[in-house]
Protein backbone atom coordinates (compact mmCIF):
# COMPACT_ATOMS: atom_id res chain seq x y z
CA UNK A 1 150.20 61.84 62.80
CA UNK A 2 153.43 61.51 63.77
CA UNK A 3 154.50 59.82 67.11
CA UNK A 4 156.81 61.29 69.23
CA UNK A 5 158.39 60.22 72.62
CA UNK A 6 158.89 61.33 76.19
CA UNK A 7 161.47 59.62 78.21
CA UNK A 8 160.13 59.22 81.72
CA UNK A 9 162.42 59.39 84.88
CA UNK A 10 162.61 55.66 84.86
CA UNK A 11 163.69 55.37 81.42
CA UNK A 12 159.87 54.41 80.04
CA UNK A 13 159.35 55.82 76.68
CA UNK A 14 156.09 57.46 76.56
CA UNK A 15 154.42 57.85 73.25
CA UNK A 16 152.16 60.85 72.12
CA UNK A 17 150.91 62.81 69.21
CA UNK A 18 150.41 66.74 68.99
CA UNK A 19 148.22 68.62 66.84
CA UNK A 20 146.47 72.13 66.76
CA UNK A 21 147.54 75.19 68.47
CA UNK A 22 146.87 77.15 71.64
CA UNK A 23 147.35 76.18 75.17
CA UNK A 24 148.18 72.65 76.25
CA UNK A 25 145.40 69.92 76.44
CA UNK A 26 146.57 66.36 77.16
CA UNK A 27 144.14 63.49 76.85
CA UNK A 28 144.34 60.17 78.73
CA UNK A 29 142.84 56.93 77.63
CA UNK A 30 141.27 54.27 79.88
CA UNK A 31 142.92 50.66 80.47
CA UNK A 32 143.60 48.98 78.39
CA UNK A 33 143.36 51.07 75.38
CA UNK A 34 145.33 53.58 73.58
CA UNK A 35 145.28 57.37 72.11
CA UNK A 36 143.65 56.38 69.07
CA UNK A 37 140.50 56.17 71.06
CA UNK A 38 140.22 60.02 70.86
CA UNK A 39 141.18 60.17 67.24
CA UNK A 40 138.75 57.50 66.47
CA UNK A 41 135.89 59.31 68.46
CA UNK A 42 136.46 62.44 66.73
CA UNK A 43 138.03 64.71 69.16
CA UNK A 44 141.09 65.82 67.91
CA UNK A 45 140.16 68.48 65.07
CA UNK A 46 137.46 70.21 66.92
CA UNK A 47 139.75 70.55 70.23
CA UNK A 48 142.75 71.32 68.05
CA UNK A 49 140.97 74.81 66.92
CA UNK A 50 141.34 76.03 70.56
CA UNK A 51 144.11 73.86 72.22
CA UNK A 52 147.56 72.07 71.45
CA UNK A 53 145.97 68.53 71.71
CA UNK A 54 148.36 65.95 73.32
CA UNK A 55 146.97 62.58 73.23
CA UNK A 56 149.12 60.31 75.08
CA UNK A 57 149.48 56.67 75.38
CA UNK A 58 149.84 55.45 78.81
CA UNK A 59 152.67 53.23 79.78
CA UNK A 60 151.94 49.76 78.82
CA UNK A 61 149.54 50.51 76.11
CA UNK A 62 149.68 51.59 72.66
CA UNK A 63 152.95 52.64 71.35
CA UNK A 64 154.48 53.44 74.52
CA UNK A 65 156.81 51.07 76.53
CA UNK A 66 155.50 48.06 77.93
CA UNK A 67 157.09 47.14 81.59
CA UNK A 68 155.54 44.31 83.44
CA UNK A 69 156.06 44.50 87.05
CA UNK A 70 153.61 46.15 89.63
CA UNK A 71 156.30 48.42 90.60
CA UNK A 72 156.46 50.17 87.09
CA UNK A 73 152.85 51.23 87.83
CA UNK A 74 153.19 52.90 91.13
CA UNK A 75 151.69 56.25 91.26
CA UNK A 76 154.70 58.33 91.14
CA UNK A 77 155.81 56.58 88.20
CA UNK A 78 152.83 57.19 86.10
CA UNK A 79 152.50 60.79 87.46
CA UNK A 80 155.87 61.49 86.16
CA UNK A 81 154.83 60.24 82.80
CA UNK A 82 152.22 62.80 82.51
CA UNK A 83 154.83 65.46 83.51
CA UNK A 84 157.54 64.20 81.04
CA UNK A 85 155.10 64.50 78.17
CA UNK A 86 154.27 68.11 79.24
CA UNK A 87 157.80 68.98 79.48
CA UNK A 88 158.77 67.21 76.07
CA UNK A 89 156.00 69.34 74.59
CA UNK A 90 156.97 72.62 76.14
CA UNK A 91 154.15 72.87 78.23
CA UNK A 92 154.55 74.75 81.53
CA UNK A 93 151.14 74.30 82.22
CA UNK A 94 148.16 72.41 80.55
CA UNK A 95 144.37 71.15 81.09
CA UNK A 96 143.80 67.40 81.54
CA UNK A 97 140.74 65.28 80.21
CA UNK A 98 141.17 61.63 81.15
CA UNK A 99 138.61 58.62 80.77
CA UNK A 100 138.47 55.92 83.22
CA UNK A 101 142.09 54.77 84.51
CA UNK A 102 142.92 57.96 82.49
CA UNK A 103 140.27 59.90 84.63
CA UNK A 104 141.92 58.50 87.81
CA UNK A 105 145.43 59.75 86.93
CA UNK A 106 144.12 63.20 86.03
CA UNK A 107 142.57 63.24 89.65
CA UNK A 108 146.02 62.41 91.18
CA UNK A 109 147.75 65.17 88.94
CA UNK A 110 145.77 67.56 89.53
CA UNK A 111 145.71 67.04 93.29
CA UNK A 112 149.29 67.25 93.20
CA UNK A 113 150.83 69.56 90.62
CA UNK A 114 150.15 73.29 90.18
CA UNK A 115 150.79 73.09 86.75
CA UNK A 116 147.24 72.01 85.64
CA UNK A 117 145.21 74.63 85.04
CA UNK A 118 141.65 72.64 84.46
CA UNK A 119 140.76 68.94 84.78
CA UNK A 120 137.99 66.78 83.48
CA UNK A 121 137.32 63.31 84.66
CA UNK A 122 135.12 60.71 82.95
CA UNK A 123 133.99 57.76 84.76
CA UNK A 124 136.06 57.67 87.68
CA UNK A 125 135.23 58.67 91.53
CA UNK A 126 137.15 59.83 94.71
CA UNK A 127 138.42 58.16 97.33
CA UNK A 128 139.80 54.44 96.75
CA UNK A 129 139.76 53.14 93.21
CA UNK A 130 140.24 49.54 94.27
CA UNK A 131 140.61 47.67 97.43
CA UNK A 132 142.37 44.62 97.76
CA UNK A 133 139.47 42.61 98.34
CA UNK A 134 138.01 44.14 94.92
CA UNK A 135 141.35 43.16 93.14
CA UNK A 136 142.12 39.92 94.40
CA UNK A 137 139.25 37.87 92.57
CA UNK A 138 139.76 39.83 89.37
CA UNK A 139 143.38 38.82 89.58
CA UNK A 140 142.43 35.19 90.21
CA UNK A 141 140.19 35.20 87.03
CA UNK A 142 142.92 36.61 84.86
CA UNK A 143 145.88 34.44 86.05
CA UNK A 144 144.84 31.23 84.04
CA UNK A 145 144.03 33.28 81.10
CA UNK A 146 147.24 35.22 81.07
CA UNK A 147 149.17 31.79 81.42
CA UNK A 148 147.50 30.06 78.81
CA UNK A 149 148.01 32.96 76.71
CA UNK A 150 152.06 32.71 77.07
CA UNK A 151 151.86 28.84 76.65
CA UNK A 152 149.57 29.44 73.55
CA UNK A 153 146.87 27.06 75.20
CA UNK A 154 143.82 29.34 74.97
CA UNK A 155 142.07 27.10 73.03
CA UNK A 156 142.51 24.20 75.57
CA UNK A 157 141.64 26.35 78.64
CA UNK A 158 138.52 24.83 80.34
CA UNK A 159 136.44 28.13 80.87
CA UNK A 160 133.38 29.31 79.64
CA UNK A 161 134.29 31.71 76.85
CA UNK A 162 132.84 32.51 73.24
CA UNK A 163 134.90 32.45 70.18
CA UNK A 164 135.13 35.88 70.02
CA UNK A 165 136.55 36.17 73.69
CA UNK A 166 139.21 33.61 73.22
CA UNK A 167 140.35 35.56 70.04
CA UNK A 168 140.56 38.68 71.98
CA UNK A 169 142.17 36.80 74.66
CA UNK A 170 145.06 35.96 72.45
CA UNK A 171 146.18 39.79 72.19
CA UNK A 172 144.83 41.18 75.73
CA UNK A 173 147.40 42.80 77.51
CA UNK A 174 147.11 40.50 80.75
CA UNK A 175 150.42 41.36 82.38
CA UNK A 176 150.12 45.11 82.15
CA UNK A 177 146.20 45.27 83.66
CA UNK A 178 147.12 42.87 86.40
CA UNK A 179 150.23 44.79 87.57
CA UNK A 180 148.26 48.21 87.10
CA UNK A 181 145.52 46.80 89.30
CA UNK A 182 147.90 45.43 91.93
CA UNK A 183 149.41 48.88 92.06
CA UNK A 184 146.23 51.10 92.08
CA UNK A 185 145.29 49.39 95.60
CA UNK A 186 148.07 51.33 96.78
CA UNK A 187 147.40 55.00 95.28
CA UNK A 188 146.46 57.54 97.45
CA UNK A 189 143.06 58.49 98.28
CA UNK A 190 142.16 61.82 96.61
CA UNK A 191 138.81 63.88 97.70
CA UNK A 192 137.37 66.49 95.84
CA UNK A 193 138.69 69.07 97.88
CA UNK A 194 142.22 68.34 97.21
CA UNK A 195 141.64 69.13 93.67
CA UNK A 196 144.04 72.28 92.90
CA UNK A 197 142.45 73.52 89.72
CA UNK A 198 138.69 73.82 88.29
CA UNK A 199 137.47 70.33 87.93
CA UNK A 200 134.62 69.02 85.90
CA UNK A 201 133.24 65.17 86.62
CA UNK A 202 130.99 63.38 84.67
CA UNK A 203 129.50 59.95 84.12
CA UNK A 204 126.27 58.47 82.60
CA UNK A 205 123.16 56.96 84.06
CA UNK A 206 124.52 53.56 82.51
CA UNK A 207 128.12 54.04 83.88
CA UNK A 208 128.84 51.52 86.65
CA UNK A 209 130.22 54.42 88.84
CA UNK A 210 127.25 56.44 88.94
CA UNK A 211 126.30 55.45 92.30
CA UNK A 212 129.21 56.06 93.92
CA UNK A 213 129.46 59.62 92.24
CA UNK A 214 125.84 60.40 93.17
CA UNK A 215 127.04 59.37 96.89
CA UNK A 216 129.91 62.09 96.55
CA UNK A 217 127.80 64.84 95.00
CA UNK A 218 127.69 66.82 98.05
CA UNK A 219 131.49 66.80 98.68
CA UNK A 220 132.28 67.55 94.99
CA UNK A 221 129.67 70.72 95.30
CA UNK A 222 131.09 71.60 98.55
CA UNK A 223 134.53 71.81 97.12
CA UNK A 224 133.41 74.28 94.17
CA UNK A 225 133.45 71.46 91.58
CA UNK A 226 131.09 70.40 88.81
CA UNK A 227 129.45 67.15 88.31
CA UNK A 228 127.46 66.37 85.48
CA UNK A 229 125.38 62.99 84.64
CA UNK A 230 124.46 62.49 80.83
CA UNK A 231 121.25 60.60 80.64
CA UNK A 232 121.81 56.82 78.86
CA UNK A 233 125.44 56.99 78.35
CA UNK A 234 127.29 53.78 79.68
CA UNK A 235 131.23 53.94 80.70
CA UNK A 236 132.69 53.51 77.08
CA UNK A 237 130.08 56.17 75.58
CA UNK A 238 131.77 58.94 77.81
CA UNK A 239 134.31 58.96 75.40
CA UNK A 240 132.50 57.59 72.06
CA UNK A 241 129.24 59.74 72.39
CA UNK A 242 131.26 63.06 71.33
CA UNK A 243 128.39 65.04 70.17
CA UNK A 244 126.96 64.87 73.40
CA UNK A 245 130.00 65.15 75.64
CA UNK A 246 132.00 67.78 73.89
CA UNK A 247 129.40 70.60 74.15
CA UNK A 248 129.40 70.47 78.00
CA UNK A 249 133.16 69.77 78.39
CA UNK A 250 134.43 72.43 75.68
CA UNK A 251 133.22 75.26 77.19
CA UNK A 252 134.27 74.45 80.73
CA UNK A 253 137.97 73.92 79.19
CA UNK A 254 137.69 77.35 77.52
CA UNK A 255 136.66 79.29 80.69
CA UNK A 256 138.83 81.71 81.59
CA UNK A 257 140.63 81.70 85.27
């Protein structure tokens, strides 16, 4: 499928592909990752029967440009990326479906833009995504790996890692992930009643966000939004288990205003 590019206001190029016909639906992957996750899981063809499906590579991922500074991953820049893709695709209004970090982006866009017609969040929560005290130990753990990756000394690093983990670390985008985490601490805390469009939130009983979302159920339902819990699904399966997820999400996306 042909890769197309939209240029964000700060000059970063955002890669995406487009297929199908009908109202626009943008798909946003998790971190790190790429739009290929949606292709591999088999969503593009069935969704394309109803929508113009626009699968996006978030900045720093896939075929999009890869700025390294935390400032490049500020909330307003990433939200501008999504609107730039929509503009490049000729979509005045659009639905959004995001997984993990992509779901957090959907949450923010749906709280700030009247262009979003429907939104689906897979594997994220309301309120703060990360607090500084949560991010600091992650960054401290990643920094030696990032330094060793740049120096080409991962095989000499004195940390407990399997051979598979060391191999994965040779190509892992440490700089982008660390920059994103540093930025996420400063993103606005969105609550369910701030979402401007119909919203479906889902997770699985084996997902790490389950406890927080269950605690937020009352606020979600009080705002007139939907929360669905899939039995047995973990965080990755919120996308990968298409045969379980799509029969629930597709009817929601197809509902008329």
